[in-house]
Amino acid sequence: MHDDFPSPAIWFTHRISYGETDTMGVLYYAEYLHIFERARSEFIRACGMSYRDVEEKDIILPVREAQCRYRSPARYDDLVQVHTAISEWGRASMRFVYEM
């Protein structure tokens, strides 16, 4: 984990399900983005709101770009921890970062 990970941050726990894996029992690459989405929702919840609350305030959070570096595979039934934070705040944007 990075010593310079942004703060505030949360840890999101997720167990890899069978349906998220390929035929070798490895987490399918696109499923990482779904897990990050769940971690982002939990980050917002930890800040005292839900995604619904945010959208009711007319704040929409579309994902404009996603990048992922795969260093070690997650496998079926692994319990993974996702470190989640906001690394940049712009006038009309923000950048979430994750480490799994």
C-alpha atoms as a PDB file:
ATOM      1  CA  MET A   1       0.000   0.000   0.000  1.00  0.00           C
ATOM      2  CA  HIS A   2       1.126   3.527  -0.655  1.00  0.00           C
ATOM      3  CA  ASP A   3       2.262   5.577   2.329  1.00  0.00           C
ATOM      4  CA  ASP A   4       0.961   8.684   0.552  1.00  0.00           C
ATOM      5  CA  PHE A   5      -2.601   7.420  -0.003  1.00  0.00           C
ATOM      6  CA  PRO A   6      -5.044  10.375   0.179  1.00  0.00           C
ATOM      7  CA  SER A   7      -7.072  11.064   3.278  1.00  0.00           C
ATOM      8  CA  PRO A   8      -9.846  10.673   4.237  1.00  0.00           C
ATOM      9  CA  ALA A   9     -10.060   7.105   3.012  1.00  0.00           C
ATOM     10  CA  ILE A  10     -12.123   4.021   3.706  1.00  0.00           C
ATOM     11  CA  TRP A  11     -11.568   0.287   3.453  1.00  0.00           C
ATOM     12  CA  PHE A  12     -14.228  -1.711   1.613  1.00  0.00           C
ATOM     13  CA  THR A  13     -14.342  -5.484   2.074  1.00  0.00           C
ATOM     14  CA  HIS A  14     -15.579  -7.755  -0.704  1.00  0.00           C
ATOM     15  CA  ARG A  15     -15.592 -11.528  -1.130  1.00  0.00           C
ATOM     16  CA  ILE A  16     -15.039 -12.658  -4.715  1.00  0.00           C
ATOM     17  CA  SER A  17     -18.057 -14.643  -5.896  1.00  0.00           C
ATOM     18  CA  TYR A  18     -18.000 -17.517  -8.361  1.00  0.00           C
ATOM     19  CA  GLY A  19     -19.939 -15.462 -10.937  1.00  0.00           C
ATOM     20  CA  GLU A  20     -17.216 -12.784 -10.942  1.00  0.00           C
ATOM     21  CA  THR A  21     -14.534 -15.229 -12.045  1.00  0.00           C
ATOM     22  CA  ASP A  22     -13.439 -16.742 -15.335  1.00  0.00           C
ATOM     23  CA  THR A  23     -13.110 -20.479 -16.012  1.00  0.00           C
ATOM     24  CA  MET A  24      -9.800 -20.548 -14.111  1.00  0.00           C
ATOM     25  CA  GLY A  25     -11.383 -19.106 -10.951  1.00  0.00           C
ATOM     26  CA  VAL A  26      -9.621 -15.743 -11.410  1.00  0.00           C
ATOM     27  CA  LEU A  27     -11.526 -12.490 -10.987  1.00  0.00           C
ATOM     28  CA  TYR A  28     -12.571 -11.394 -14.498  1.00  0.00           C
ATOM     29  CA  TYR A  29     -10.746  -8.162 -15.348  1.00  0.00           C
ATOM     30  CA  ALA A  30     -13.877  -6.016 -15.858  1.00  0.00           C
ATOM     31  CA  GLU A  31     -15.266  -7.031 -12.453  1.00  0.00           C
ATOM     32  CA  TYR A  32     -12.614  -4.899 -10.773  1.00  0.00           C
ATOM     33  CA  LEU A  33     -14.507  -1.820 -11.984  1.00  0.00           C
ATOM     34  CA  HIS A  34     -17.739  -3.124 -10.452  1.00  0.00           C
ATOM     35  CA  ILE A  35     -15.973  -3.639  -7.137  1.00  0.00           C
ATOM     36  CA  PHE A  36     -14.526  -0.125  -7.331  1.00  0.00           C
ATOM     37  CA  GLU A  37     -18.062   1.201  -7.932  1.00  0.00           C
ATOM     38  CA  ARG A  38     -19.245  -0.481  -4.740  1.00  0.00           C
ATOM     39  CA  ALA A  39     -16.250   0.921  -2.854  1.00  0.00           C
ATOM     40  CA  ARG A  40     -17.021   4.411  -4.212  1.00  0.00           C
ATOM     41  CA  SER A  41     -20.611   4.095  -2.964  1.00  0.00           C
ATOM     42  CA  GLU A  42     -19.351   3.096   0.479  1.00  0.00           C
ATOM     43  CA  PHE A  43     -16.946   6.044   0.503  1.00  0.00           C
ATOM     44  CA  ILE A  44     -19.847   8.413  -0.183  1.00  0.00           C
ATOM     45  CA  ARG A  45     -21.884   6.679   2.520  1.00  0.00           C
ATOM     46  CA  ALA A  46     -19.007   7.090   4.989  1.00  0.00           C
ATOM     47  CA  CYS A  47     -19.158  10.815   4.197  1.00  0.00           C
ATOM     48  CA  GLY A  48     -22.754  10.839   5.436  1.00  0.00           C
ATOM     49  CA  MET A  49     -24.675  10.534   2.168  1.00  0.00           C
ATOM     50  CA  SER A  50     -25.832   7.900  -0.265  1.00  0.00           C
ATOM     51  CA  TYR A  51     -25.520   8.022  -4.043  1.00  0.00           C
ATOM     52  CA  ARG A  52     -29.241   8.795  -4.071  1.00  0.00           C
ATOM     53  CA  ASP A  53     -28.699  11.783  -1.741  1.00  0.00           C
ATOM     54  CA  VAL A  54     -25.935  13.064  -3.997  1.00  0.00           C
ATOM     55  CA  GLU A  55     -28.072  12.769  -7.127  1.00  0.00           C
ATOM     56  CA  GLU A  56     -31.049  14.444  -5.392  1.00  0.00           C
ATOM     57  CA  LYS A  57     -28.733  17.456  -4.952  1.00  0.00           C
ATOM     58  CA  ASP A  58     -28.261  17.400  -8.761  1.00  0.00           C
ATOM     59  CA  ILE A  59     -24.683  16.185  -8.431  1.00  0.00           C
ATOM     60  CA  ILE A  60     -24.032  13.549 -11.055  1.00  0.00           C
ATOM     61  CA  LEU A  61     -20.861  11.456 -10.904  1.00  0.00           C
ATOM     62  CA  PRO A  62     -20.286   9.928 -14.340  1.00  0.00           C
ATOM     63  CA  VAL A  63     -17.134   7.903 -14.810  1.00  0.00           C
ATOM     64  CA  ARG A  64     -15.210   9.634 -17.605  1.00  0.00           C
ATOM     65  CA  GLU A  65     -12.066   7.556 -17.411  1.00  0.00           C
ATOM     66  CA  ALA A  66     -11.008   4.324 -15.746  1.00  0.00           C
ATOM     67  CA  GLN A  67      -7.566   2.838 -15.497  1.00  0.00           C
ATOM     68  CA  CYS A  68      -6.462  -0.296 -13.720  1.00  0.00           C
ATOM     69  CA  ARG A  69      -3.056  -1.903 -13.228  1.00  0.00           C
ATOM     70  CA  TYR A  70      -3.317  -5.604 -12.446  1.00  0.00           C
ATOM     71  CA  ARG A  71      -0.493  -6.753 -10.215  1.00  0.00           C
ATOM     72  CA  SER A  72      -1.783  -9.941  -8.657  1.00  0.00           C
ATOM     73  CA  PRO A  73      -4.965 -11.868  -9.455  1.00  0.00           C
ATOM     74  CA  ALA A  74      -7.868 -12.137  -7.049  1.00  0.00           C
ATOM     75  CA  ARG A  75      -9.510 -15.554  -7.058  1.00  0.00           C
ATOM     76  CA  TYR A  76     -12.839 -17.115  -6.229  1.00  0.00           C
ATOM     77  CA  ASP A  77     -13.696 -16.831  -2.522  1.00  0.00           C
ATOM     78  CA  ASP A  78     -10.822 -14.414  -1.775  1.00  0.00           C
ATOM     79  CA  LEU A  79     -11.699 -11.733   0.724  1.00  0.00           C
ATOM     80  CA  VAL A  80     -10.275  -8.501  -0.684  1.00  0.00           C
ATOM     81  CA  GLN A  81      -9.867  -5.061   0.877  1.00  0.00           C
ATOM     82  CA  VAL A  82     -10.247  -1.986  -1.305  1.00  0.00           C
ATOM     83  CA  HIS A  83      -8.656   1.232  -0.050  1.00  0.00           C
ATOM     84  CA  THR A  84     -10.710   4.112  -1.469  1.00  0.00           C
ATOM     85  CA  ALA A  85     -10.245   7.894  -1.427  1.00  0.00           C
ATOM     86  CA  ILE A  86     -10.505  11.038  -3.518  1.00  0.00           C
ATOM     87  CA  SER A  87      -7.140  12.140  -4.858  1.00  0.00           C
ATOM     88  CA  GLU A  88      -8.194  15.290  -6.733  1.00  0.00           C
ATOM     89  CA  TRP A  89     -11.031  17.797  -6.393  1.00  0.00           C
ATOM     90  CA  GLY A  90     -11.794  20.040  -9.337  1.00  0.00           C
ATOM     91  CA  ARG A  91     -14.420  22.715  -9.840  1.00  0.00           C
ATOM     92  CA  ALA A  92     -16.700  20.210 -11.553  1.00  0.00           C
ATOM     93  CA  SER A  93     -14.885  16.913 -11.112  1.00  0.00           C
ATOM     94  CA  MET A  94     -13.170  14.593  -8.689  1.00  0.00           C
ATOM     95  CA  ARG A  95     -10.824  11.654  -9.039  1.00  0.00           C
ATOM     96  CA  PHE A  96     -11.287   8.539  -6.959  1.00  0.00           C
ATOM     97  CA  VAL A  97      -8.360   6.212  -6.347  1.00  0.00           C
ATOM     98  CA  TYR A  98      -8.362   2.609  -5.240  1.00  0.00           C
ATOM     99  CA  GLU A  99      -5.898   0.016  -4.057  1.00  0.00           C
ATOM    100  CA  MET A 100      -6.982  -3.581  -3.697  1.00  0.00           C
END
